[in-house]
Amino acid sequence: MGTAYYNLKKYKEAKEVWEKGLVFMPTDLMVKKNLFEFIYDNPDVPQDLRQVSPFIEKFLRR
């Protein structure tokens, strides 16, 4: 679902879906990869959406 939102340039929705997926599946490497590659480290995404929330931070330990 996150990928579909991303392809539609609905970055906020993609981020929300991937972050929820991370909460439910914290060891899923694909969810983490998608968040970093397509949201957090992507200069095409607005700066405010590239911020990691404090709640999600604990799930992202690389």
PDB file of N, CA and C in Angstrom:
ATOM      1  N   MET A   1       0.823  -1.178   0.000  1.00  0.00           N
ATOM      2  CA  MET A   1       0.000   0.000   0.000  1.00  0.00           C
ATOM      3  C   MET A   1       0.882   1.263   0.000  1.00  0.00           C
ATOM      4  N   GLY A   2       1.976   1.231   0.765  1.00  0.00           N
ATOM      5  CA  GLY A   2       2.887   2.361   0.811  1.00  0.00           C
ATOM      6  C   GLY A   2       3.471   2.667  -0.558  1.00  0.00           C
ATOM      7  N   THR A   3       3.801   1.635  -1.296  1.00  0.00           N
ATOM      8  CA  THR A   3       4.363   1.820  -2.626  1.00  0.00           C
ATOM      9  C   THR A   3       3.338   2.446  -3.567  1.00  0.00           C
ATOM     10  N   ALA A   4       2.089   2.033  -3.461  1.00  0.00           N
ATOM     11  CA  ALA A   4       1.035   2.615  -4.298  1.00  0.00           C
ATOM     12  C   ALA A   4       0.892   4.106  -4.000  1.00  0.00           C
ATOM     13  N   TYR A   5       0.844   4.463  -2.732  1.00  0.00           N
ATOM     14  CA  TYR A   5       0.764   5.876  -2.363  1.00  0.00           C
ATOM     15  C   TYR A   5       1.988   6.641  -2.876  1.00  0.00           C
ATOM     16  N   TYR A   6       3.147   6.054  -2.711  1.00  0.00           N
ATOM     17  CA  TYR A   6       4.371   6.720  -3.162  1.00  0.00           C
ATOM     18  C   TYR A   6       4.322   6.976  -4.665  1.00  0.00           C
ATOM     19  N   ASN A   7       3.908   5.976  -5.429  1.00  0.00           N
ATOM     20  CA  ASN A   7       3.841   6.134  -6.884  1.00  0.00           C
ATOM     21  C   ASN A   7       2.832   7.203  -7.302  1.00  0.00           C
ATOM     22  N   LEU A   8       1.844   7.442  -6.457  1.00  0.00           N
ATOM     23  CA  LEU A   8       0.858   8.504  -6.721  1.00  0.00           C
ATOM     24  C   LEU A   8       1.327   9.857  -6.177  1.00  0.00           C
ATOM     25  N   LYS A   9       2.557   9.879  -5.664  1.00  0.00           N
ATOM     26  CA  LYS A   9       3.151  11.072  -5.042  1.00  0.00           C
ATOM     27  C   LYS A   9       2.380  11.533  -3.806  1.00  0.00           C
ATOM     28  N   LYS A  10       1.745  10.590  -3.153  1.00  0.00           N
ATOM     29  CA  LYS A  10       1.066  10.865  -1.881  1.00  0.00           C
ATOM     30  C   LYS A  10       2.036  10.438  -0.778  1.00  0.00           C
ATOM     31  N   TYR A  11       3.060  11.259  -0.594  1.00  0.00           N
ATOM     32  CA  TYR A  11       4.166  10.908   0.292  1.00  0.00           C
ATOM     33  C   TYR A  11       3.740  10.794   1.750  1.00  0.00           C
ATOM     34  N   LYS A  12       2.860  11.650   2.185  1.00  0.00           N
ATOM     35  CA  LYS A  12       2.409  11.604   3.581  1.00  0.00           C
ATOM     36  C   LYS A  12       1.724  10.271   3.876  1.00  0.00           C
ATOM     37  N   GLU A  13       0.850   9.850   2.988  1.00  0.00           N
ATOM     38  CA  GLU A  13       0.146   8.587   3.179  1.00  0.00           C
ATOM     39  C   GLU A  13       1.107   7.398   3.109  1.00  0.00           C
ATOM     40  N   ALA A  14       2.062   7.460   2.178  1.00  0.00           N
ATOM     41  CA  ALA A  14       3.056   6.382   2.071  1.00  0.00           C
ATOM     42  C   ALA A  14       3.856   6.272   3.360  1.00  0.00           C
ATOM     43  N   LYS A  15       4.286   7.410   3.881  1.00  0.00           N
ATOM     44  CA  LYS A  15       5.052   7.416   5.123  1.00  0.00           C
ATOM     45  C   LYS A  15       4.229   6.823   6.263  1.00  0.00           C
ATOM     46  N   GLU A  16       2.975   7.228   6.378  1.00  0.00           N
ATOM     47  CA  GLU A  16       2.120   6.728   7.456  1.00  0.00           C
ATOM     48  C   GLU A  16       1.952   5.212   7.379  1.00  0.00           C
ATOM     49  N   VAL A  17       1.723   4.694   6.175  1.00  0.00           N
ATOM     50  CA  VAL A  17       1.537   3.247   6.005  1.00  0.00           C
ATOM     51  C   VAL A  17       2.813   2.498   6.353  1.00  0.00           C
ATOM     52  N   TRP A  18       3.949   2.976   5.859  1.00  0.00           N
ATOM     53  CA  TRP A  18       5.215   2.289   6.147  1.00  0.00           C
ATOM     54  C   TRP A  18       5.573   2.376   7.632  1.00  0.00           C
ATOM     55  N   GLU A  19       5.295   3.511   8.262  1.00  0.00           N
ATOM     56  CA  GLU A  19       5.589   3.621   9.692  1.00  0.00           C
ATOM     57  C   GLU A  19       4.685   2.698  10.511  1.00  0.00           C
ATOM     58  N   LYS A  20       3.431   2.578  10.136  1.00  0.00           N
ATOM     59  CA  LYS A  20       2.537   1.628  10.833  1.00  0.00           C
ATOM     60  C   LYS A  20       3.038   0.205  10.630  1.00  0.00           C
ATOM     61  N   GLY A  21       3.474  -0.092   9.414  1.00  0.00           N
ATOM     62  CA  GLY A  21       4.023  -1.416   9.146  1.00  0.00           C
ATOM     63  C   GLY A  21       5.240  -1.699  10.008  1.00  0.00           C
ATOM     64  N   LEU A  22       6.059  -0.689  10.219  1.00  0.00           N
ATOM     65  CA  LEU A  22       7.243  -0.843  11.052  1.00  0.00           C
ATOM     66  C   LEU A  22       6.877  -1.125  12.505  1.00  0.00           C
ATOM     67  N   VAL A  23       5.825  -0.481  12.993  1.00  0.00           N
ATOM     68  CA  VAL A  23       5.386  -0.715  14.367  1.00  0.00           C
ATOM     69  C   VAL A  23       4.907  -2.160  14.529  1.00  0.00           C
ATOM     70  N   PHE A  24       4.162  -2.652  13.548  1.00  0.00           N
ATOM     71  CA  PHE A  24       3.625  -4.011  13.636  1.00  0.00           C
ATOM     72  C   PHE A  24       4.649  -5.081  13.287  1.00  0.00           C
ATOM     73  N   MET A  25       5.646  -4.728  12.457  1.00  0.00           N
ATOM     74  CA  MET A  25       6.667  -5.684  12.032  1.00  0.00           C
ATOM     75  C   MET A  25       8.043  -5.040  12.141  1.00  0.00           C
ATOM     76  N   PRO A  26       8.528  -4.793  13.353  1.00  0.00           N
ATOM     77  CA  PRO A  26       9.767  -4.028  13.537  1.00  0.00           C
ATOM     78  C   PRO A  26      11.028  -4.675  12.952  1.00  0.00           C
ATOM     79  N   THR A  27      10.985  -5.941  12.630  1.00  0.00           N
ATOM     80  CA  THR A  27      12.175  -6.580  12.055  1.00  0.00           C
ATOM     81  C   THR A  27      12.111  -6.660  10.531  1.00  0.00           C
ATOM     82  N   ASP A  28      11.064  -6.144   9.926  1.00  0.00           N
ATOM     83  CA  ASP A  28      10.903  -6.193   8.473  1.00  0.00           C
ATOM     84  C   ASP A  28      11.869  -5.207   7.817  1.00  0.00           C
ATOM     85  N   LEU A  29      12.889  -5.740   7.184  1.00  0.00           N
ATOM     86  CA  LEU A  29      13.923  -4.898   6.569  1.00  0.00           C
ATOM     87  C   LEU A  29      13.413  -4.119   5.363  1.00  0.00           C
ATOM     88  N   MET A  30      12.443  -4.668   4.653  1.00  0.00           N
ATOM     89  CA  MET A  30      11.905  -3.973   3.480  1.00  0.00           C
ATOM     90  C   MET A  30      11.164  -2.700   3.886  1.00  0.00           C
ATOM     91  N   VAL A  31      10.437  -2.745   4.982  1.00  0.00           N
ATOM     92  CA  VAL A  31       9.737  -1.550   5.459  1.00  0.00           C
ATOM     93  C   VAL A  31      10.754  -0.474   5.821  1.00  0.00           C
ATOM     94  N   LYS A  32      11.801  -0.848   6.530  1.00  0.00           N
ATOM     95  CA  LYS A  32      12.845   0.124   6.888  1.00  0.00           C
ATOM     96  C   LYS A  32      13.513   0.683   5.641  1.00  0.00           C
ATOM     97  N   LYS A  33      13.832  -0.187   4.702  1.00  0.00           N
ATOM     98  CA  LYS A  33      14.477   0.242   3.457  1.00  0.00           C
ATOM     99  C   LYS A  33      13.593   1.242   2.713  1.00  0.00           C
ATOM    100  N   ASN A  34      12.306   0.944   2.621  1.00  0.00           N
ATOM    101  CA  ASN A  34      11.389   1.847   1.926  1.00  0.00           C
ATOM    102  C   ASN A  34      11.319   3.203   2.612  1.00  0.00           C
ATOM    103  N   LEU A  35      11.252   3.212   3.923  1.00  0.00           N
ATOM    104  CA  LEU A  35      11.188   4.476   4.645  1.00  0.00           C
ATOM    105  C   LEU A  35      12.432   5.327   4.380  1.00  0.00           C
ATOM    106  N   PHE A  36      13.592   4.721   4.437  1.00  0.00           N
ATOM    107  CA  PHE A  36      14.820   5.491   4.227  1.00  0.00           C
ATOM    108  C   PHE A  36      14.989   5.891   2.767  1.00  0.00           C
ATOM    109  N   GLU A  37      14.824   4.950   1.865  1.00  0.00           N
ATOM    110  CA  GLU A  37      15.073   5.228   0.452  1.00  0.00           C
ATOM    111  C   GLU A  37      14.040   6.181  -0.149  1.00  0.00           C
ATOM    112  N   PHE A  38      12.776   5.973   0.173  1.00  0.00           N
ATOM    113  CA  PHE A  38      11.720   6.731  -0.487  1.00  0.00           C
ATOM    114  C   PHE A  38      11.196   7.926   0.300  1.00  0.00           C
ATOM    115  N   ILE A  39      11.446   7.966   1.609  1.00  0.00           N
ATOM    116  CA  ILE A  39      10.916   9.076   2.410  1.00  0.00           C
ATOM    117  C   ILE A  39      12.048   9.850   3.091  1.00  0.00           C
ATOM    118  N   TYR A  40      12.677   9.275   4.098  1.00  0.00           N
ATOM    119  CA  TYR A  40      13.614  10.013   4.945  1.00  0.00           C
ATOM    120  C   TYR A  40      14.821  10.570   4.203  1.00  0.00           C
ATOM    121  N   ASP A  41      15.370   9.827   3.247  1.00  0.00           N
ATOM    122  CA  ASP A  41      16.578  10.256   2.535  1.00  0.00           C
ATOM    123  C   ASP A  41      16.280  10.768   1.118  1.00  0.00           C
ATOM    124  N   ASN A  42      15.039  10.998   0.802  1.00  0.00           N
ATOM    125  CA  ASN A  42      14.643  11.378  -0.550  1.00  0.00           C
ATOM    126  C   ASN A  42      14.448  12.894  -0.663  1.00  0.00           C
ATOM    127  N   PRO A  43      15.316  13.577  -1.404  1.00  0.00           N
ATOM    128  CA  PRO A  43      15.196  15.032  -1.517  1.00  0.00           C
ATOM    129  C   PRO A  43      13.938  15.489  -2.257  1.00  0.00           C
ATOM    130  N   ASP A  44      13.258  14.593  -2.963  1.00  0.00           N
ATOM    131  CA  ASP A  44      12.021  14.954  -3.662  1.00  0.00           C
ATOM    132  C   ASP A  44      10.830  15.066  -2.713  1.00  0.00           C
ATOM    133  N   VAL A  45      10.961  14.494  -1.527  1.00  0.00           N
ATOM    134  CA  VAL A  45       9.895  14.542  -0.527  1.00  0.00           C
ATOM    135  C   VAL A  45      10.056  15.835   0.276  1.00  0.00           C
ATOM    136  N   PRO A  46       8.955  16.532   0.543  1.00  0.00           N
ATOM    137  CA  PRO A  46       9.069  17.766   1.340  1.00  0.00           C
ATOM    138  C   PRO A  46       9.809  17.531   2.662  1.00  0.00           C
ATOM    139  N   GLN A  47      10.597  18.511   3.044  1.00  0.00           N
ATOM    140  CA  GLN A  47      11.459  18.401   4.230  1.00  0.00           C
ATOM    141  C   GLN A  47      10.690  17.991   5.486  1.00  0.00           C
ATOM    142  N   ASP A  48       9.511  18.553   5.697  1.00  0.00           N
ATOM    143  CA  ASP A  48       8.771  18.234   6.926  1.00  0.00           C
ATOM    144  C   ASP A  48       8.363  16.765   6.989  1.00  0.00           C
ATOM    145  N   LEU A  49       8.154  16.121   5.845  1.00  0.00           N
ATOM    146  CA  LEU A  49       7.798  14.701   5.848  1.00  0.00           C
ATOM    147  C   LEU A  49       9.011  13.794   6.033  1.00  0.00           C
ATOM    148  N   ARG A  50      10.211  14.337   5.795  1.00  0.00           N
ATOM    149  CA  ARG A  50      11.419  13.526   5.938  1.00  0.00           C
ATOM    150  C   ARG A  50      11.874  13.398   7.389  1.00  0.00           C
ATOM    151  N   GLN A  51      11.204  14.067   8.289  1.00  0.00           N
ATOM    152  CA  GLN A  51      11.557  13.992   9.706  1.00  0.00           C
ATOM    153  C   GLN A  51      11.026  12.698  10.313  1.00  0.00           C
ATOM    154  N   VAL A  52      11.848  12.058  11.121  1.00  0.00           N
ATOM    155  CA  VAL A  52      11.454  10.844  11.820  1.00  0.00           C
ATOM    156  C   VAL A  52      10.839  11.250  13.150  1.00  0.00           C
ATOM    157  N   SER A  53       9.654  10.749  13.426  1.00  0.00           N
ATOM    158  CA  SER A  53       9.024  11.082  14.707  1.00  0.00           C
ATOM    159  C   SER A  53       9.747  10.353  15.841  1.00  0.00           C
ATOM    160  N   PRO A  54       9.756  10.929  17.028  1.00  0.00           N
ATOM    161  CA  PRO A  54      10.434  10.283  18.164  1.00  0.00           C
ATOM    162  C   PRO A  54       9.909   8.873  18.445  1.00  0.00           C
ATOM    163  N   PHE A  55       8.624   8.653  18.258  1.00  0.00           N
ATOM    164  CA  PHE A  55       8.052   7.324  18.496  1.00  0.00           C
ATOM    165  C   PHE A  55       8.631   6.293  17.526  1.00  0.00           C
ATOM    166  N   ILE A  56       8.767   6.671  16.268  1.00  0.00           N
ATOM    167  CA  ILE A  56       9.254   5.747  15.241  1.00  0.00           C
ATOM    168  C   ILE A  56      10.758   5.528  15.347  1.00  0.00           C
ATOM    169  N   GLU A  57      11.471   6.508  15.868  1.00  0.00           N
ATOM    170  CA  GLU A  57      12.930   6.422  15.970  1.00  0.00           C
ATOM    171  C   GLU A  57      13.418   5.126  16.608  1.00  0.00           C
ATOM    172  N   LYS A  58      12.740   4.684  17.647  1.00  0.00           N
ATOM    173  CA  LYS A  58      13.198   3.478  18.350  1.00  0.00           C
ATOM    174  C   LYS A  58      13.080   2.213  17.498  1.00  0.00           C
ATOM    175  N   PHE A  59      12.254   2.259  16.466  1.00  0.00           N
ATOM    176  CA  PHE A  59      12.103   1.110  15.583  1.00  0.00           C
ATOM    177  C   PHE A  59      13.119   1.112  14.437  1.00  0.00           C
ATOM    178  N   LEU A  60      13.866   2.198  14.307  1.00  0.00           N
ATOM    179  CA  LEU A  60      14.751   2.373  13.159  1.00  0.00           C
ATOM    180  C   LEU A  60      16.223   2.182  13.455  1.00  0.00           C
ATOM    181  N   ARG A  61      16.555   1.686  14.559  1.00  0.00           N
ATOM    182  CA  ARG A  61      17.983   1.492  14.857  1.00  0.00           C
ATOM    183  C   ARG A  61      18.611   0.650  13.752  1.00  0.00           C
ATOM    184  N   ARG A  62      19.534   1.272  13.045  1.00  0.00           N
ATOM    185  CA  ARG A  62      20.142   0.620  11.856  1.00  0.00           C
ATOM    186  C   ARG A  62      21.134  -0.430  12.251  1.00  0.00           C
TER     187      ARG A  62
END
